[in-house]
Amino acid sequence: MRNKISLIVKVFISGVFLFIVLRKIEIASLGKTIKSCYLPVAIPGIILALLLSFLLSLRWFILIKGNFGKEINYWEIWKFTMIGLFFNNFLPTGAGGDIAKVYYVVKERERKLSLGSSVIVDRFIGAVSIITIGMVASFLSENVEEKVRIFLLIIFLFLLFFLFFLSNRKIASFFYSPLRRIVPKRLQEKIQLLYNAFSDYFLKRKFLISALAISFFLQIISIFSQYLMAISILWKEKIHLNINLFFIYIPLIWVATLLPSLGGLGIREFSYVFFFSSYMGKDKSFALSILVLLTIILQSIIGAIIFFTSDISSRR
C-alpha cells in the first residue's frame, strides 16, 4: 500500500510540473526548435553526457578501492552504475537508482553496511562538487540574485559541516557528546556502527581527494555538455549565451530533482524553463531540457540492456 501511495505521489508531482511547463510553451514550435539544432555541436554535447557514466563509475570505484582493495573491479561498478541510471526512472527522486546500486553491490558480499555506505558517500561527494561549483560561480558572476548566492552558500556550508563531521572524529564526538545521556545504549551502538561505516571513507584521504577531483572534473564536463546543447539550439539566432549561467543554474536544477518525482521528470523540465527562459526563451529552454532528457533515456536504455542481458538480474 505504501509503495502504491509513493508511486501516486511521484506521478502526481511529475504530472503537475509537466502540465505547468506545457502551458507556458508553444508545442507547435518545439518540434521545429529541436529539428533546427545544429548537429555538429549538439551531437558532441550528447556524446559527452553519455560518456559521463565512466567518470561516475570511476569516482565510486575509487572510494570502494580505498576500503575493499581489489574485491570489486571497475567494470562491475560501471554495470551497477548503469543499472542505477535505469532504475532512476522508477524509484523516488533523481537519486532513486542508488537503492538499486546498494542492492546489487552488497549482494553476496560481506561488510554489507560499509559497502552499501559507499553509494551514499559517492552521492555526497557529487553533491559537494556540484554545489561548490554553483556557489563559486554565483559569487564570481555580477548579474546574479542575492538569494541565489545565499541559497547555494547555505547548502555548501551544510555539506561542509558534514564533511568535517565525518572526516574528523573529534568534531563528531563534540557534537554527539550532549546526546549520550539521552540516547539508549543499544541505539548508541548502532549509531557508532553507522558512523564508522561512513567515516571510514573520509579517513582514507588519498582516495577521498582523488574521488573529489574526479567529481569536480565530471561536473564541469556535464555542465559543458549541456552548454553545447544550448548553443546548438541557439545556433541560427547567433545569440551569445554566457557559460557562467550554466555553472550557476545546473546545480540548482540538480537540487530541484531531489524532490519526489519520476526520476526528476517534470521538475527537471520546469527548472530549465524557469532558470533559462530569460536568456533563451521558454520554447528553447524546454528544448534544452528535452535534449538532456534524451541523454538520460539513452543511458537508461544502456542500463536496461545490461540489467536484462547480464547475470546481474538473476541474482536474488
Protein backbone atom coordinates (compact mmCIF):
# COMPACT_ATOMS: atom_id res chain seq x y z
CA MET A 1 0.00 0.00 0.00
CA ARG A 2 2.82 2.38 0.91
CA ASN A 3 4.55 1.71 -2.44
CA LYS A 4 1.33 2.48 -4.32
CA ILE A 5 0.89 5.75 -2.46
CA SER A 6 4.52 6.68 -3.15
CA LEU A 7 4.06 5.96 -6.87
CA ILE A 8 0.84 8.00 -6.99
CA VAL A 9 2.58 10.95 -5.30
CA LYS A 10 5.53 10.77 -7.73
CA VAL A 11 3.25 10.57 -10.78
CA PHE A 12 1.15 13.47 -9.45
CA ILE A 13 4.18 15.73 -8.80
CA SER A 14 5.76 14.95 -12.18
CA GLY A 15 2.40 15.45 -13.89
CA VAL A 16 1.75 18.81 -12.22
CA PHE A 17 5.14 20.23 -13.18
CA LEU A 18 4.86 18.92 -16.75
CA PHE A 19 1.41 20.48 -17.03
CA ILE A 20 2.73 23.84 -15.83
CA VAL A 21 5.60 23.74 -18.33
CA LEU A 22 3.46 22.66 -21.29
CA ARG A 23 1.07 25.53 -20.60
CA LYS A 24 3.94 28.01 -20.90
CA ILE A 25 5.36 26.86 -24.23
CA GLU A 26 4.13 26.51 -27.81
CA ILE A 27 4.12 22.81 -28.63
CA ALA A 28 3.96 23.51 -32.38
CA SER A 29 7.26 25.41 -32.34
CA LEU A 30 9.01 22.89 -30.06
CA GLY A 31 9.47 20.29 -32.81
CA LYS A 32 10.85 22.93 -35.17
CA THR A 33 13.28 24.13 -32.50
CA ILE A 34 14.64 20.65 -31.87
CA LYS A 35 14.88 19.87 -35.60
CA SER A 36 16.79 23.09 -36.19
CA CYS A 37 19.51 22.14 -33.69
CA TYR A 38 23.00 22.44 -35.15
CA LEU A 39 24.03 18.78 -35.05
CA PRO A 40 27.83 19.31 -35.25
CA VAL A 41 27.52 20.98 -31.82
CA ALA A 42 24.55 19.06 -30.36
CA ILE A 43 25.97 15.56 -31.02
CA PRO A 44 29.31 16.17 -29.21
CA GLY A 45 27.30 17.55 -26.27
CA ILE A 46 25.12 14.43 -26.15
CA ILE A 47 28.13 12.12 -26.51
CA LEU A 48 29.95 13.90 -23.68
CA ALA A 49 26.88 13.47 -21.47
CA LEU A 50 26.75 9.74 -22.25
CA LEU A 51 30.45 9.28 -21.50
CA LEU A 52 29.99 10.71 -18.02
CA SER A 53 28.88 7.29 -16.80
CA PHE A 54 32.52 6.15 -16.95
CA LEU A 55 33.58 9.01 -14.67
CA LEU A 56 30.64 8.37 -12.34
CA SER A 57 31.76 4.77 -12.07
CA LEU A 58 35.40 5.74 -11.57
CA ARG A 59 34.51 8.04 -8.65
CA TRP A 60 32.55 5.29 -6.93
CA PHE A 61 35.19 2.66 -7.74
CA ILE A 62 37.99 4.74 -6.16
CA LEU A 63 36.01 5.08 -2.93
CA ILE A 64 35.40 1.33 -2.78
CA LYS A 65 39.02 0.57 -3.65
CA GLY A 66 40.16 2.58 -0.64
CA ASN A 67 38.26 0.27 1.72
CA PHE A 68 37.97 -3.00 -0.18
CA GLY A 69 41.02 -3.17 -2.43
CA LYS A 70 40.52 -5.36 -5.49
CA GLU A 71 37.42 -7.14 -4.19
CA ILE A 72 35.28 -5.44 -6.87
CA ASN A 73 36.54 -4.49 -10.33
CA TYR A 74 35.80 -1.30 -12.26
CA TRP A 75 33.60 -2.86 -14.94
CA GLU A 76 31.35 -4.40 -12.33
CA ILE A 77 30.94 -0.97 -10.75
CA TRP A 78 30.19 0.51 -14.19
CA LYS A 79 27.43 -2.07 -14.70
CA PHE A 80 25.91 -1.24 -11.31
CA THR A 81 26.09 2.48 -12.21
CA MET A 82 24.24 1.96 -15.49
CA ILE A 83 21.61 -0.20 -13.79
CA GLY A 84 21.19 2.56 -11.21
CA LEU A 85 20.59 5.07 -14.02
CA PHE A 86 17.97 2.69 -15.44
CA PHE A 87 16.16 2.37 -12.10
CA ASN A 88 16.26 6.16 -11.60
CA ASN A 89 13.18 6.22 -13.83
CA PHE A 90 11.10 4.20 -11.37
CA LEU A 91 12.36 4.95 -7.88
CA PRO A 92 11.78 8.15 -5.85
CA THR A 93 13.65 11.35 -6.84
CA GLY A 94 16.57 11.75 -9.26
CA ALA A 95 18.74 9.70 -6.87
CA GLY A 96 16.39 6.72 -6.61
CA GLY A 97 18.69 4.47 -8.63
CA ASP A 98 21.08 4.49 -5.66
CA ILE A 99 18.74 1.99 -4.00
CA ALA A 100 19.35 -0.45 -6.84
CA LYS A 101 23.11 0.19 -6.69
CA VAL A 102 23.18 -0.61 -2.98
CA TYR A 103 21.17 -3.80 -3.53
CA TYR A 104 23.49 -5.20 -6.18
CA VAL A 105 26.82 -4.06 -4.78
CA VAL A 106 26.21 -5.71 -1.38
CA LYS A 107 24.61 -8.86 -2.79
CA GLU A 108 26.56 -11.99 -1.80
CA ARG A 109 29.31 -9.93 -0.14
CA GLU A 110 30.42 -9.37 3.42
CA ARG A 111 30.70 -6.00 5.22
CA LYS A 112 27.37 -5.02 3.69
CA LEU A 113 26.91 -1.86 5.77
CA SER A 114 30.32 -0.50 4.85
CA LEU A 115 29.97 -1.42 1.18
CA GLY A 116 26.44 -0.06 0.93
CA SER A 117 27.57 3.17 2.56
CA SER A 118 29.89 3.78 -0.38
CA VAL A 119 26.87 4.62 -2.57
CA ILE A 120 25.73 7.37 -0.18
CA VAL A 121 29.29 8.68 0.26
CA ASP A 122 29.65 8.76 -3.53
CA ARG A 123 26.41 10.72 -3.80
CA PHE A 124 27.59 13.08 -1.04
CA ILE A 125 30.85 13.79 -2.88
CA GLY A 126 28.87 14.51 -6.02
CA ALA A 127 26.72 16.97 -4.04
CA VAL A 128 29.80 18.71 -2.57
CA SER A 129 31.37 19.20 -6.00
CA ILE A 130 28.27 20.42 -7.87
CA ILE A 131 27.18 22.79 -5.10
CA THR A 132 30.72 24.17 -4.68
CA ILE A 133 30.86 24.89 -8.41
CA GLY A 134 27.49 26.62 -8.29
CA MET A 135 28.39 28.70 -5.24
CA VAL A 136 31.75 29.84 -6.61
CA ALA A 137 30.22 30.67 -9.99
CA SER A 138 27.42 32.71 -8.36
CA PHE A 139 29.90 34.84 -6.39
CA LEU A 140 32.10 35.37 -9.46
CA SER A 141 29.17 36.50 -11.60
CA GLU A 142 27.77 40.02 -11.32
CA ASN A 143 24.17 39.62 -12.52
CA VAL A 144 23.04 37.00 -10.01
CA GLU A 145 20.26 37.48 -7.49
CA GLU A 146 21.49 37.65 -3.91
CA LYS A 147 19.00 34.98 -2.80
CA VAL A 148 20.58 32.51 -5.27
CA ARG A 149 24.02 33.13 -3.77
CA ILE A 150 22.69 32.78 -0.22
CA PHE A 151 20.80 29.59 -1.06
CA LEU A 152 23.89 27.95 -2.60
CA LEU A 153 26.08 29.18 0.26
CA ILE A 154 23.74 27.67 2.87
CA ILE A 155 23.75 24.28 1.13
CA PHE A 156 27.55 24.48 0.74
CA LEU A 157 28.06 25.22 4.45
CA PHE A 158 25.66 22.41 5.36
CA LEU A 159 27.65 19.94 3.22
CA LEU A 160 30.95 21.32 4.53
CA PHE A 161 29.81 20.70 8.10
CA PHE A 162 29.05 17.05 7.34
CA LEU A 163 32.36 16.72 5.51
CA PHE A 164 34.24 17.78 8.66
CA PHE A 165 31.85 15.82 10.88
CA LEU A 166 32.58 12.58 9.01
CA SER A 167 36.29 13.15 8.45
CA ASN A 168 37.18 14.27 11.99
CA ARG A 169 36.04 12.08 14.89
CA LYS A 170 36.90 14.75 17.47
CA ILE A 171 34.39 17.12 15.87
CA ALA A 172 31.83 14.30 15.71
CA SER A 173 32.40 13.46 19.36
CA PHE A 174 32.00 17.13 20.34
CA PHE A 175 28.54 17.35 18.75
CA TYR A 176 27.46 13.87 19.84
CA SER A 177 28.55 14.09 23.50
CA PRO A 178 25.48 16.03 24.73
CA LEU A 179 23.24 13.30 23.28
CA ARG A 180 24.94 10.36 25.01
CA ARG A 181 22.87 10.69 28.18
CA ILE A 182 19.50 10.60 26.41
CA VAL A 183 20.24 8.03 23.67
CA PRO A 184 19.67 4.37 24.71
CA LYS A 185 22.83 2.23 24.81
CA ARG A 186 21.64 -0.15 22.08
CA LEU A 187 20.90 2.76 19.79
CA GLN A 188 24.30 4.27 20.59
CA GLU A 189 25.98 1.10 19.33
CA LYS A 190 24.02 1.23 16.07
CA ILE A 191 24.84 4.91 15.61
CA GLN A 192 28.51 4.15 16.20
CA LEU A 193 28.48 1.35 13.61
CA LEU A 194 26.74 3.60 11.09
CA TYR A 195 29.11 6.48 11.72
CA ASN A 196 32.17 4.23 11.35
CA ALA A 197 30.81 2.82 8.08
CA PHE A 198 30.61 6.33 6.61
CA SER A 199 33.64 7.93 8.25
CA ASP A 200 35.99 5.15 7.10
CA TYR A 201 35.71 6.53 3.55
CA PHE A 202 36.57 10.05 4.72
CA LEU A 203 39.60 8.90 6.70
CA LYS A 204 41.20 7.48 3.55
CA ARG A 205 42.35 10.94 2.48
CA LYS A 206 44.22 9.83 -0.64
CA PHE A 207 41.19 8.10 -2.11
CA LEU A 208 38.80 10.81 -0.92
CA ILE A 209 40.80 13.58 -2.61
CA SER A 210 41.03 11.52 -5.81
CA ALA A 211 37.27 10.95 -5.79
CA LEU A 212 36.64 14.68 -5.21
CA ALA A 213 38.99 15.64 -8.06
CA ILE A 214 37.21 13.26 -10.43
CA SER A 215 33.85 14.58 -9.24
CA PHE A 216 34.75 18.20 -9.97
CA PHE A 217 36.02 17.23 -13.43
CA LEU A 218 32.86 15.19 -14.02
CA GLN A 219 30.55 18.06 -13.05
CA ILE A 220 32.42 20.55 -15.24
CA ILE A 221 32.16 18.22 -18.24
CA SER A 222 28.47 17.64 -17.51
CA ILE A 223 27.76 21.38 -17.41
CA PHE A 224 29.83 21.97 -20.55
CA SER A 225 27.92 19.24 -22.42
CA GLN A 226 24.63 20.99 -21.60
CA TYR A 227 26.13 24.30 -22.69
CA LEU A 228 26.94 22.74 -26.07
CA MET A 229 23.36 21.51 -26.39
CA ALA A 230 22.09 25.03 -25.65
CA ILE A 231 24.46 26.56 -28.20
CA SER A 232 23.23 24.09 -30.83
CA ILE A 233 19.63 25.24 -30.20
CA LEU A 234 20.59 28.94 -30.47
CA TRP A 235 22.99 28.46 -33.40
CA LYS A 236 20.83 30.08 -36.09
CA GLU A 237 19.84 33.04 -33.91
CA LYS A 238 23.52 33.65 -33.09
CA ILE A 239 22.60 34.53 -29.51
CA HIS A 240 25.55 34.74 -27.14
CA LEU A 241 24.99 32.62 -24.04
CA ASN A 242 27.28 33.07 -21.05
CA ILE A 243 28.54 29.69 -19.83
CA ASN A 244 28.63 31.07 -16.26
CA LEU A 245 24.83 30.78 -16.22
CA PHE A 246 25.13 27.01 -16.56
CA PHE A 247 27.64 26.77 -13.73
CA ILE A 248 25.12 28.57 -11.51
CA TYR A 249 21.78 27.12 -12.58
CA ILE A 250 22.64 23.48 -13.32
CA PRO A 251 23.50 22.91 -9.62
CA LEU A 252 20.13 24.45 -8.69
CA ILE A 253 18.37 22.14 -11.16
CA TRP A 254 20.23 19.21 -9.60
CA VAL A 255 18.88 20.22 -6.18
CA ALA A 256 15.35 20.50 -7.58
CA THR A 257 15.41 16.96 -8.99
CA LEU A 258 15.90 15.60 -5.47
CA LEU A 259 12.21 16.27 -4.85
CA PRO A 260 9.91 13.22 -5.13
CA SER A 261 9.07 12.56 -8.79
CA LEU A 262 9.54 10.00 -11.55
CA GLY A 263 13.31 10.29 -11.80
CA GLY A 264 13.11 14.09 -11.79
CA LEU A 265 10.69 14.14 -14.74
CA GLY A 266 8.60 17.29 -14.81
CA ILE A 267 10.59 19.06 -12.11
CA ARG A 268 13.72 18.98 -14.28
CA GLU A 269 11.90 20.37 -17.34
CA PHE A 270 10.16 23.04 -15.26
CA SER A 271 13.51 24.08 -13.75
CA TYR A 272 15.18 24.53 -17.15
CA VAL A 273 12.35 26.76 -18.31
CA PHE A 274 12.31 28.66 -15.02
CA PHE A 275 16.05 29.41 -14.96
CA PHE A 276 16.91 29.77 -18.65
CA SER A 277 13.79 31.30 -20.26
CA SER A 278 15.11 34.84 -19.64
CA TYR A 279 18.18 34.05 -21.74
CA MET A 280 16.91 31.52 -24.31
CA GLY A 281 13.14 31.92 -24.32
CA LYS A 282 10.65 29.40 -22.93
CA ASP A 283 10.45 27.16 -26.02
CA LYS A 284 14.21 26.88 -26.43
CA SER A 285 14.74 26.32 -22.71
CA PHE A 286 12.25 23.47 -22.85
CA ALA A 287 14.00 22.13 -25.97
CA LEU A 288 17.24 22.07 -23.96
CA SER A 289 15.54 20.04 -21.25
CA ILE A 290 14.34 17.61 -23.93
CA LEU A 291 17.92 17.10 -25.19
CA VAL A 292 19.05 16.50 -21.60
CA LEU A 293 16.17 14.05 -21.18
CA LEU A 294 17.30 12.30 -24.37
CA THR A 295 20.73 11.62 -22.83
CA ILE A 296 19.01 10.27 -19.70
CA ILE A 297 16.82 7.97 -21.81
CA LEU A 298 19.84 6.71 -23.77
CA GLN A 299 21.71 5.96 -20.55
CA SER A 300 18.61 4.20 -19.21
CA ILE A 301 18.43 2.04 -22.34
CA ILE A 302 22.07 1.00 -21.90
CA GLY A 303 21.35 0.24 -18.24
CA ALA A 304 18.27 -1.78 -19.17
CA ILE A 305 20.25 -3.83 -21.71
CA ILE A 306 22.91 -4.59 -19.09
CA PHE A 307 20.26 -5.47 -16.49
CA PHE A 308 18.30 -7.85 -18.72
CA THR A 309 21.21 -9.47 -20.59
CA SER A 310 23.80 -9.96 -17.84
CA ASP A 311 23.70 -12.36 -14.89
CA ILE A 312 23.11 -9.41 -12.55
CA SER A 313 19.33 -9.55 -12.91
CA SER A 314 19.34 -13.23 -11.89
CA ARG A 315 21.00 -12.54 -8.51
CA ARG A 316 18.28 -12.95 -5.90
